[in-house]
Each structure stands twice: as C-alpha cells, then as structure tokens.
C-alpha cells in the first residue's frame, strides 16, 4: 500500500523537491548578484575619490587639513600660496567642494533607500566623517540649508545635513564646539 502510493506520487514529490531546490538556488544567485552590484557601486564611488579631479582636490584639502580650505579671499596669503602651488582658483575650489558634498549626499540618499547597508557605508566612513568633521564644511552646510530655506527650496545637501544632525542629536546646530 505505502509502496504503491510512493511509486504513484514519486514524480510529483520529485518535482516539488526539484522546484524547492531550484528556488533556493535562484534566491542564492539573486542575493549574490545583488551583493556584487552593491560592491560595484561602492567601488565606483571610492574610485571617484581618486579619479575625479574636483573630488580629489576637495578631499585632499580636507584630508591633509589644509589651512587654506575653502577660502575665497584672493588677498589671503595662505590661499594664494595654495592656489599657486596647485593651480586652483576660488571658483574651482567651491565647485570641488560642491561636487564632493553632492557625492556624499548621494551616499546618504542610497543608505536611506536601503540600497547601501551600514557595512557598505562603512567602507566610505573615513571619507564621510573626515569631510563632515571639518568646521568649514559644517558652516557651508548650515549656510546652504539656511539659504535654501529662505528661498523655499530644498538644500542640495539635505540628506547629508540630516545625517550629520542625527550624528550629533537633532536639535543641535552642528559646530566644532558641540562635537
């Protein structure tokens, strides 16, 4: 009795088992492909820190803690020395900072959409925190937020500003004194 039932139902049982194994395999492949895509995204963002001249310029000034960072007064001796040494203009410097901040804002946007995990964002932790810990960056982010608000617009760095404020508590104005 059991043997005849087993023989009659062997094909459907085998089909069900095959479908389950195939489903598990497909899920594993999907997760692996998704992980690879996310790794490629993080790598492409990391590459921009070296391959994009404006992002590299802005981050190098931050990373090497240049005293001339984001100063636009051409009569400033330090700034003139920096421009002479590197061939940058004040407009290029602002464009470089904007491009760097837009890239970091995009990272936080991807994190908010859950397209980047905390671990993946952690690969860019140094660049993110080194930039956000700069007082001049804080001043610039606060300025752009206030300017956008006065114009009834959204700041181009809104995700980055929200992320930074959440790092330090939502009610604090982010400055060097309350870090």
N, C-alpha and C. Protein backbone atom coordinates (compact mmCIF):
# COMPACT_ATOMS: atom_id res chain seq x y z
N UNK A 1 0.82 -1.19 0.00
CA UNK A 1 0.00 0.00 0.00
C UNK A 1 0.87 1.26 0.00
N UNK A 2 1.76 1.35 0.94
CA UNK A 2 2.64 2.52 1.02
C UNK A 2 3.56 2.55 -0.19
N UNK A 3 4.02 1.39 -0.61
CA UNK A 3 4.91 1.30 -1.75
C UNK A 3 4.21 1.77 -3.03
N UNK A 4 2.98 1.35 -3.22
CA UNK A 4 2.25 1.77 -4.43
C UNK A 4 1.95 3.28 -4.38
N UNK A 5 1.63 3.81 -3.22
CA UNK A 5 1.40 5.26 -3.09
C UNK A 5 2.68 6.03 -3.40
N UNK A 6 3.81 5.52 -2.90
CA UNK A 6 5.10 6.16 -3.12
C UNK A 6 5.46 6.15 -4.60
N UNK A 7 5.20 5.03 -5.27
CA UNK A 7 5.50 4.93 -6.70
C UNK A 7 4.61 5.87 -7.50
N UNK A 8 3.33 5.93 -7.15
CA UNK A 8 2.41 6.81 -7.87
C UNK A 8 2.74 8.30 -7.65
N UNK A 9 3.22 8.65 -6.49
CA UNK A 9 3.45 10.05 -6.15
C UNK A 9 4.93 10.46 -6.21
N UNK A 10 5.78 9.54 -6.67
CA UNK A 10 7.21 9.83 -6.71
C UNK A 10 7.49 11.01 -7.65
N UNK A 11 6.90 11.01 -8.82
CA UNK A 11 7.16 12.09 -9.77
C UNK A 11 6.71 13.45 -9.22
N UNK A 12 5.49 13.56 -8.70
CA UNK A 12 5.11 14.86 -8.12
C UNK A 12 5.99 15.26 -6.93
N UNK A 13 6.37 14.31 -6.10
CA UNK A 13 7.25 14.63 -4.97
C UNK A 13 8.63 15.07 -5.46
N UNK A 14 9.13 14.35 -6.45
CA UNK A 14 10.43 14.71 -7.01
C UNK A 14 10.36 16.09 -7.66
N UNK A 15 9.27 16.38 -8.34
CA UNK A 15 9.08 17.68 -8.96
C UNK A 15 9.04 18.79 -7.91
N UNK A 16 8.32 18.56 -6.83
CA UNK A 16 8.24 19.53 -5.74
C UNK A 16 9.61 19.77 -5.11
N UNK A 17 10.33 18.69 -4.86
CA UNK A 17 11.66 18.81 -4.28
C UNK A 17 12.59 19.56 -5.24
N UNK A 18 12.52 19.25 -6.52
CA UNK A 18 13.34 19.94 -7.52
C UNK A 18 13.00 21.43 -7.57
N UNK A 19 11.72 21.75 -7.49
CA UNK A 19 11.30 23.16 -7.50
C UNK A 19 11.83 23.89 -6.27
N UNK A 20 11.79 23.25 -5.12
CA UNK A 20 12.31 23.86 -3.89
C UNK A 20 13.81 24.10 -3.99
N UNK A 21 14.54 23.11 -4.47
CA UNK A 21 15.99 23.25 -4.62
C UNK A 21 16.30 24.35 -5.64
N UNK A 22 15.56 24.36 -6.74
CA UNK A 22 15.74 25.40 -7.76
C UNK A 22 15.43 26.78 -7.21
N UNK A 23 14.39 26.90 -6.41
CA UNK A 23 14.04 28.18 -5.80
C UNK A 23 15.12 28.68 -4.85
N UNK A 24 15.66 27.77 -4.04
CA UNK A 24 16.73 28.15 -3.12
C UNK A 24 17.96 28.59 -3.92
N UNK A 25 18.28 27.83 -4.97
CA UNK A 25 19.42 28.19 -5.82
C UNK A 25 19.21 29.56 -6.46
N UNK A 26 18.02 29.81 -6.98
CA UNK A 26 17.72 31.10 -7.61
C UNK A 26 17.84 32.25 -6.61
N UNK A 27 17.35 32.02 -5.40
CA UNK A 27 17.46 33.04 -4.35
C UNK A 27 18.92 33.33 -4.02
N UNK A 28 19.73 32.27 -3.92
CA UNK A 28 21.15 32.46 -3.64
C UNK A 28 21.83 33.24 -4.76
N UNK A 29 21.50 32.92 -6.00
CA UNK A 29 22.07 33.63 -7.14
C UNK A 29 21.64 35.10 -7.15
N UNK A 30 20.38 35.34 -6.83
CA UNK A 30 19.86 36.71 -6.78
C UNK A 30 20.61 37.52 -5.72
N UNK A 31 20.78 36.93 -4.54
CA UNK A 31 21.47 37.63 -3.46
C UNK A 31 22.93 37.90 -3.81
N UNK A 32 23.56 36.92 -4.45
CA UNK A 32 24.96 37.09 -4.84
C UNK A 32 25.07 38.20 -5.89
N UNK A 33 24.19 38.21 -6.87
CA UNK A 33 24.21 39.25 -7.91
C UNK A 33 23.94 40.62 -7.30
N UNK A 34 23.00 40.69 -6.36
CA UNK A 34 22.70 41.95 -5.68
C UNK A 34 23.91 42.43 -4.89
N UNK A 35 24.55 41.53 -4.20
CA UNK A 35 25.75 41.87 -3.42
C UNK A 35 26.86 42.38 -4.34
N UNK A 36 27.02 41.73 -5.47
CA UNK A 36 28.03 42.16 -6.44
C UNK A 36 27.73 43.55 -6.98
N UNK A 37 26.47 43.83 -7.28
CA UNK A 37 26.08 45.15 -7.78
C UNK A 37 26.37 46.22 -6.73
N UNK A 38 26.07 45.91 -5.48
CA UNK A 38 26.32 46.87 -4.40
C UNK A 38 27.82 47.10 -4.23
N UNK A 39 28.60 46.04 -4.35
CA UNK A 39 30.06 46.18 -4.25
C UNK A 39 30.59 47.03 -5.39
N UNK A 40 30.06 46.83 -6.60
CA UNK A 40 30.47 47.64 -7.74
C UNK A 40 30.12 49.11 -7.53
N UNK A 41 28.97 49.36 -6.94
CA UNK A 41 28.55 50.74 -6.65
C UNK A 41 29.52 51.39 -5.67
N UNK A 42 29.83 50.70 -4.59
CA UNK A 42 30.76 51.25 -3.59
C UNK A 42 32.13 51.47 -4.22
N UNK A 43 32.59 50.52 -5.03
CA UNK A 43 33.89 50.67 -5.68
C UNK A 43 33.89 51.88 -6.61
N UNK A 44 32.82 52.06 -7.37
CA UNK A 44 32.78 53.22 -8.28
C UNK A 44 32.80 54.53 -7.51
N UNK A 45 32.16 54.55 -6.36
CA UNK A 45 32.17 55.77 -5.53
C UNK A 45 33.57 55.98 -4.94
N UNK A 46 34.18 54.90 -4.46
CA UNK A 46 35.54 55.02 -3.93
C UNK A 46 36.51 55.49 -5.02
N UNK A 47 36.34 54.97 -6.22
CA UNK A 47 37.20 55.36 -7.33
C UNK A 47 37.10 56.86 -7.63
N UNK A 48 35.92 57.43 -7.43
CA UNK A 48 35.74 58.85 -7.70
C UNK A 48 36.61 59.72 -6.81
N UNK A 49 36.95 59.22 -5.63
CA UNK A 49 37.81 59.99 -4.74
C UNK A 49 39.23 60.13 -5.30
N UNK A 50 39.62 59.24 -6.21
CA UNK A 50 40.93 59.33 -6.82
C UNK A 50 40.89 59.76 -8.29
N UNK A 51 39.82 59.38 -9.00
CA UNK A 51 39.80 59.63 -10.44
C UNK A 51 39.16 60.96 -10.83
N UNK A 52 38.24 61.47 -10.04
CA UNK A 52 37.61 62.75 -10.37
C UNK A 52 38.48 63.88 -9.82
N UNK A 53 39.02 64.72 -10.68
CA UNK A 53 39.96 65.74 -10.20
C UNK A 53 39.36 66.73 -9.19
N UNK A 54 38.10 67.10 -9.36
CA UNK A 54 37.49 68.04 -8.42
C UNK A 54 37.26 67.40 -7.05
N UNK A 55 36.75 66.18 -7.05
CA UNK A 55 36.52 65.49 -5.77
C UNK A 55 37.86 65.23 -5.08
N UNK A 56 38.85 64.82 -5.85
CA UNK A 56 40.18 64.57 -5.29
C UNK A 56 40.76 65.85 -4.70
N UNK A 57 40.60 66.97 -5.42
CA UNK A 57 41.10 68.26 -4.94
C UNK A 57 40.46 68.62 -3.60
N UNK A 58 39.14 68.55 -3.53
CA UNK A 58 38.44 68.93 -2.30
C UNK A 58 38.80 67.99 -1.16
N UNK A 59 38.79 66.68 -1.43
CA UNK A 59 39.07 65.75 -0.34
C UNK A 59 40.53 65.83 0.10
N UNK A 60 41.45 66.05 -0.83
CA UNK A 60 42.85 66.19 -0.44
C UNK A 60 43.04 67.37 0.50
N UNK A 61 42.36 68.47 0.24
CA UNK A 61 42.46 69.63 1.13
C UNK A 61 41.93 69.28 2.52
N UNK A 62 40.85 68.51 2.57
CA UNK A 62 40.28 68.10 3.85
C UNK A 62 41.20 67.10 4.53
N UNK A 63 41.61 66.10 3.77
CA UNK A 63 42.41 65.01 4.33
C UNK A 63 43.75 65.50 4.87
N UNK A 64 44.36 66.42 4.14
CA UNK A 64 45.66 66.94 4.59
C UNK A 64 45.50 68.16 5.48
N UNK A 65 44.24 68.46 5.83
CA UNK A 65 43.90 69.53 6.74
C UNK A 65 44.55 70.85 6.36
N UNK A 66 44.39 71.19 5.10
CA UNK A 66 44.92 72.45 4.59
C UNK A 66 44.29 73.61 5.34
N UNK A 67 45.11 74.53 5.80
CA UNK A 67 44.59 75.73 6.46
C UNK A 67 43.91 76.65 5.46
N UNK A 68 44.10 76.39 4.18
CA UNK A 68 43.56 77.25 3.13
C UNK A 68 42.22 76.73 2.63
N UNK A 69 41.68 75.77 3.28
CA UNK A 69 40.48 75.13 2.79
C UNK A 69 39.32 76.12 2.63
N UNK A 70 38.75 76.14 1.46
CA UNK A 70 37.54 76.87 1.14
C UNK A 70 37.61 78.36 1.45
N UNK A 71 38.76 78.93 1.32
CA UNK A 71 38.88 80.38 1.48
C UNK A 71 38.88 80.99 0.09
N UNK A 72 38.06 82.01 -0.11
CA UNK A 72 37.95 82.60 -1.45
C UNK A 72 38.59 83.98 -1.54
N UNK A 73 39.12 84.50 -0.45
CA UNK A 73 39.73 85.82 -0.50
C UNK A 73 41.08 85.68 -1.20
N UNK A 74 41.20 86.29 -2.38
CA UNK A 74 42.43 86.13 -3.15
C UNK A 74 43.60 86.87 -2.52
N UNK A 75 43.33 87.82 -1.62
CA UNK A 75 44.44 88.50 -0.98
C UNK A 75 44.96 87.74 0.24
N UNK A 76 44.30 86.66 0.58
CA UNK A 76 44.75 85.84 1.70
C UNK A 76 46.04 85.12 1.31
N UNK A 77 47.09 85.35 2.07
CA UNK A 77 48.40 84.79 1.74
C UNK A 77 48.38 83.27 1.66
N UNK A 78 47.72 82.65 2.60
CA UNK A 78 47.65 81.19 2.62
C UNK A 78 46.94 80.68 1.37
N UNK A 79 45.82 81.31 1.04
CA UNK A 79 45.07 80.87 -0.13
C UNK A 79 45.88 81.08 -1.40
N UNK A 80 46.54 82.23 -1.50
CA UNK A 80 47.37 82.49 -2.69
C UNK A 80 48.47 81.45 -2.83
N UNK A 81 49.07 81.08 -1.70
CA UNK A 81 50.11 80.05 -1.74
C UNK A 81 49.53 78.72 -2.21
N UNK A 82 48.36 78.40 -1.71
CA UNK A 82 47.72 77.14 -2.11
C UNK A 82 47.38 77.15 -3.59
N UNK A 83 46.81 78.24 -4.07
CA UNK A 83 46.44 78.36 -5.48
C UNK A 83 47.69 78.29 -6.35
N UNK A 84 48.73 78.99 -5.94
CA UNK A 84 49.97 78.97 -6.72
C UNK A 84 50.57 77.58 -6.76
N UNK A 85 50.52 76.88 -5.65
CA UNK A 85 51.11 75.55 -5.59
C UNK A 85 50.29 74.52 -6.38
N UNK A 86 48.99 74.71 -6.43
CA UNK A 86 48.13 73.70 -7.04
C UNK A 86 47.40 74.16 -8.30
N UNK A 87 47.48 75.44 -8.60
CA UNK A 87 46.85 75.96 -9.81
C UNK A 87 45.33 76.01 -9.75
N UNK A 88 44.76 76.13 -8.56
CA UNK A 88 43.30 76.18 -8.41
C UNK A 88 42.84 77.62 -8.25
N UNK A 89 41.62 77.88 -8.72
CA UNK A 89 41.01 79.18 -8.48
C UNK A 89 39.95 79.02 -7.39
N UNK A 90 39.46 80.15 -6.86
CA UNK A 90 38.43 80.10 -5.82
C UNK A 90 37.17 79.43 -6.36
N UNK A 91 36.82 79.70 -7.62
CA UNK A 91 35.62 79.09 -8.21
C UNK A 91 35.78 77.59 -8.34
N UNK A 92 36.98 77.14 -8.73
CA UNK A 92 37.25 75.70 -8.83
C UNK A 92 37.16 75.05 -7.45
N UNK A 93 37.63 75.77 -6.44
CA UNK A 93 37.61 75.23 -5.09
C UNK A 93 36.16 75.04 -4.62
N UNK A 94 35.31 76.01 -4.87
CA UNK A 94 33.91 75.88 -4.48
C UNK A 94 33.23 74.77 -5.28
N UNK A 95 33.53 74.68 -6.56
CA UNK A 95 32.95 73.62 -7.39
C UNK A 95 33.42 72.26 -6.90
N UNK A 96 34.67 72.16 -6.47
CA UNK A 96 35.21 70.91 -5.96
C UNK A 96 34.50 70.49 -4.67
N UNK A 97 34.31 71.45 -3.78
CA UNK A 97 33.62 71.17 -2.51
C UNK A 97 32.18 70.75 -2.78
N UNK A 98 31.52 71.48 -3.67
CA UNK A 98 30.13 71.12 -4.02
C UNK A 98 30.05 69.71 -4.58
N UNK A 99 30.96 69.36 -5.45
CA UNK A 99 30.93 68.03 -6.07
C UNK A 99 31.18 66.95 -5.02
N UNK A 100 32.11 67.18 -4.11
CA UNK A 100 32.38 66.23 -3.03
C UNK A 100 31.15 66.07 -2.15
N UNK A 101 30.54 67.18 -1.76
CA UNK A 101 29.37 67.11 -0.88
C UNK A 101 28.18 66.47 -1.58
N UNK A 102 28.02 66.71 -2.87
CA UNK A 102 26.94 66.05 -3.61
C UNK A 102 27.15 64.54 -3.68
N UNK A 103 28.40 64.12 -3.83
CA UNK A 103 28.70 62.68 -3.83
C UNK A 103 28.38 62.07 -2.47
N UNK A 104 28.78 62.73 -1.40
CA UNK A 104 28.49 62.22 -0.05
C UNK A 104 26.99 62.27 0.23
N UNK A 105 26.31 63.29 -0.25
CA UNK A 105 24.86 63.38 -0.10
C UNK A 105 24.19 62.19 -0.81
N UNK A 106 24.69 61.84 -1.98
CA UNK A 106 24.18 60.69 -2.74
C UNK A 106 24.38 59.39 -1.96
N UNK A 107 25.51 59.27 -1.28
CA UNK A 107 25.75 58.08 -0.45
C UNK A 107 24.69 57.94 0.64
N UNK A 108 24.40 59.03 1.31
CA UNK A 108 23.41 59.00 2.38
C UNK A 108 22.02 58.74 1.80
N UNK A 109 21.75 59.29 0.65
CA UNK A 109 20.49 59.02 -0.05
C UNK A 109 20.35 57.52 -0.33
N UNK A 110 21.41 56.90 -0.82
CA UNK A 110 21.38 55.45 -1.09
C UNK A 110 21.18 54.66 0.20
N UNK A 111 21.79 55.14 1.29
CA UNK A 111 21.61 54.48 2.59
C UNK A 111 20.16 54.60 3.05
N UNK A 112 19.57 55.78 2.87
CA UNK A 112 18.17 55.99 3.26
C UNK A 112 17.22 55.09 2.47
N UNK A 113 17.55 54.85 1.21
CA UNK A 113 16.73 53.96 0.37
C UNK A 113 17.03 52.48 0.65
N UNK A 114 17.98 52.25 1.55
CA UNK A 114 18.42 50.90 1.91
C UNK A 114 19.09 50.18 0.73
N UNK A 115 19.68 50.98 -0.15
CA UNK A 115 20.46 50.41 -1.25
C UNK A 115 21.91 50.23 -0.85
N UNK A 116 22.30 50.88 0.25
CA UNK A 116 23.61 50.68 0.87
C UNK A 116 23.38 50.32 2.33
N UNK A 117 24.05 49.29 2.77
CA UNK A 117 23.94 48.90 4.17
C UNK A 117 24.93 49.71 5.01
N UNK A 118 24.81 49.60 6.32
CA UNK A 118 25.76 50.28 7.20
C UNK A 118 27.17 49.76 6.97
N UNK A 119 27.30 48.45 6.71
CA UNK A 119 28.63 47.87 6.44
C UNK A 119 29.22 48.45 5.16
N UNK A 120 28.40 48.58 4.12
CA UNK A 120 28.89 49.14 2.87
C UNK A 120 29.22 50.61 3.02
N UNK A 121 28.39 51.34 3.74
CA UNK A 121 28.70 52.74 4.00
C UNK A 121 29.97 52.86 4.83
N UNK A 122 30.21 51.86 5.67
CA UNK A 122 31.42 51.84 6.49
C UNK A 122 32.70 51.85 5.67
N UNK A 123 32.64 51.34 4.44
CA UNK A 123 33.82 51.37 3.57
C UNK A 123 34.18 52.80 3.19
N UNK A 124 33.21 53.69 3.29
CA UNK A 124 33.43 55.10 2.96
C UNK A 124 33.40 55.97 4.21
N UNK A 125 33.46 55.32 5.36
CA UNK A 125 33.38 56.01 6.64
C UNK A 125 34.47 57.08 6.78
N UNK A 126 35.68 56.76 6.40
CA UNK A 126 36.78 57.71 6.54
C UNK A 126 36.50 58.99 5.76
N UNK A 127 36.13 58.83 4.48
CA UNK A 127 35.88 59.99 3.64
C UNK A 127 34.69 60.80 4.16
N UNK A 128 33.65 60.10 4.58
CA UNK A 128 32.44 60.76 5.06
C UNK A 128 32.71 61.55 6.34
N UNK A 129 33.29 60.89 7.34
CA UNK A 129 33.49 61.55 8.62
C UNK A 129 34.61 62.59 8.57
N UNK A 130 35.65 62.33 7.80
CA UNK A 130 36.73 63.30 7.68
C UNK A 130 36.18 64.61 7.09
N UNK A 131 35.28 64.48 6.11
CA UNK A 131 34.68 65.66 5.49
C UNK A 131 33.72 66.35 6.46
N UNK A 132 32.83 65.57 7.08
CA UNK A 132 31.83 66.17 7.96
C UNK A 132 32.41 66.75 9.23
N UNK A 133 33.59 66.31 9.63
CA UNK A 133 34.20 66.83 10.84
C UNK A 133 34.93 68.16 10.62
N UNK A 134 34.97 68.62 9.41
CA UNK A 134 35.62 69.89 9.10
C UNK A 134 34.68 71.05 9.41
N UNK A 135 35.14 72.00 10.21
CA UNK A 135 34.30 73.13 10.62
C UNK A 135 33.81 73.94 9.43
N UNK A 136 34.68 74.12 8.43
CA UNK A 136 34.28 74.89 7.25
C UNK A 136 33.16 74.18 6.49
N UNK A 137 33.18 72.88 6.49
CA UNK A 137 32.10 72.11 5.84
C UNK A 137 30.81 72.31 6.62
N UNK A 138 30.89 72.27 7.94
CA UNK A 138 29.71 72.50 8.77
C UNK A 138 29.10 73.87 8.48
N UNK A 139 29.97 74.88 8.41
CA UNK A 139 29.50 76.23 8.13
C UNK A 139 28.83 76.29 6.75
N UNK A 140 29.45 75.65 5.78
CA UNK A 140 28.91 75.66 4.42
C UNK A 140 27.58 74.91 4.35
N UNK A 141 27.48 73.77 5.01
CA UNK A 141 26.21 73.02 5.03
C UNK A 141 25.11 73.83 5.71
N UNK A 142 25.45 74.46 6.83
CA UNK A 142 24.46 75.30 7.52
C UNK A 142 24.04 76.48 6.65
N UNK A 143 25.01 77.09 5.96
CA UNK A 143 24.69 78.21 5.07
C UNK A 143 23.76 77.77 3.95
N UNK A 144 24.08 76.65 3.30
CA UNK A 144 23.24 76.20 2.18
C UNK A 144 21.85 75.82 2.66
N UNK A 145 21.76 75.24 3.85
CA UNK A 145 20.44 74.88 4.39
C UNK A 145 19.61 76.13 4.67
N UNK A 146 20.23 77.13 5.29
CA UNK A 146 19.52 78.37 5.58
C UNK A 146 19.15 79.12 4.31
N UNK A 147 20.07 79.15 3.36
CA UNK A 147 19.79 79.83 2.09
C UNK A 147 18.66 79.14 1.34
N UNK A 148 18.69 77.83 1.27
CA UNK A 148 17.63 77.09 0.58
C UNK A 148 16.29 77.32 1.27
N UNK A 149 16.30 77.30 2.60
CA UNK A 149 15.06 77.51 3.35
C UNK A 149 14.50 78.92 3.10
N UNK A 150 15.38 79.91 3.04
CA UNK A 150 14.92 81.28 2.79
C UNK A 150 14.33 81.44 1.39
N UNK A 151 14.70 80.57 0.49
CA UNK A 151 14.19 80.59 -0.89
C UNK A 151 13.06 79.59 -1.10
N UNK A 152 12.57 78.98 -0.01
CA UNK A 152 11.55 77.93 -0.08
C UNK A 152 11.98 76.80 -1.01
N UNK A 153 13.22 76.42 -0.87
CA UNK A 153 13.78 75.33 -1.68
C UNK A 153 14.35 74.28 -0.75
N UNK A 154 14.67 73.14 -1.33
CA UNK A 154 15.31 72.06 -0.58
C UNK A 154 16.82 72.18 -0.80
N UNK A 155 17.57 72.04 0.25
CA UNK A 155 19.03 72.12 0.14
C UNK A 155 19.55 70.99 -0.75
N UNK A 156 20.55 71.28 -1.58
CA UNK A 156 21.11 70.21 -2.40
C UNK A 156 21.84 69.16 -1.57
N UNK A 157 22.08 69.48 -0.31
CA UNK A 157 22.77 68.56 0.59
C UNK A 157 21.87 68.09 1.73
N UNK A 158 20.57 68.03 1.47
CA UNK A 158 19.59 67.73 2.52
C UNK A 158 19.82 66.41 3.24
N UNK A 159 20.14 65.36 2.51
CA UNK A 159 20.37 64.06 3.14
C UNK A 159 21.62 64.10 4.01
N UNK A 160 22.64 64.77 3.52
CA UNK A 160 23.89 64.88 4.25
C UNK A 160 23.70 65.70 5.53
N UNK A 161 22.94 66.77 5.43
CA UNK A 161 22.66 67.62 6.60
C UNK A 161 21.87 66.83 7.63
N UNK A 162 20.85 66.10 7.20
CA UNK A 162 20.06 65.28 8.13
C UNK A 162 20.91 64.22 8.80
N UNK A 163 21.77 63.59 8.02
CA UNK A 163 22.66 62.56 8.56
C UNK A 163 23.59 63.15 9.60
N UNK A 164 24.16 64.30 9.29
CA UNK A 164 25.09 64.94 10.22
C UNK A 164 24.38 65.37 11.49
N UNK A 165 23.19 65.90 11.36
CA UNK A 165 22.45 66.31 12.56
C UNK A 165 22.07 65.11 13.40
N UNK A 166 21.73 64.01 12.78
CA UNK A 166 21.39 62.81 13.55
C UNK A 166 22.62 62.24 14.25
N UNK A 167 23.78 62.47 13.68
CA UNK A 167 25.04 62.05 14.32
C UNK A 167 25.26 62.78 15.62
N UNK A 168 24.79 64.01 15.70
CA UNK A 168 25.05 64.86 16.86
C UNK A 168 23.81 65.23 17.64
N UNK A 169 22.71 64.62 17.35
CA UNK A 169 21.45 64.97 18.01
C UNK A 169 20.70 65.96 17.16
N UNK A 170 19.43 65.75 17.01
CA UNK A 170 18.63 66.52 16.05
C UNK A 170 18.51 68.00 16.39
N UNK A 171 18.59 68.37 17.64
CA UNK A 171 18.31 69.76 17.99
C UNK A 171 19.56 70.63 17.97
N UNK A 172 20.73 70.03 17.92
CA UNK A 172 21.94 70.82 17.97
C UNK A 172 22.26 71.40 16.60
N UNK A 173 22.78 72.63 16.62
CA UNK A 173 23.41 73.17 15.42
C UNK A 173 24.81 72.57 15.41
N UNK A 174 25.19 71.99 14.32
CA UNK A 174 26.44 71.26 14.28
C UNK A 174 27.60 72.24 14.14
N UNK A 175 28.38 72.32 15.19
CA UNK A 175 29.59 73.15 15.15
C UNK A 175 30.71 72.39 15.83
N UNK A 176 31.90 72.94 15.72
CA UNK A 176 33.05 72.28 16.31
C UNK A 176 32.94 72.20 17.85
N UNK A 177 32.25 73.15 18.47
CA UNK A 177 32.18 73.20 19.93
C UNK A 177 31.29 72.12 20.52
N UNK A 178 30.29 71.60 19.76
CA UNK A 178 29.44 70.59 20.37
C UNK A 178 29.68 69.20 19.81
N UNK A 179 30.85 68.97 19.29
CA UNK A 179 31.21 67.62 18.83
C UNK A 179 31.89 66.87 19.89
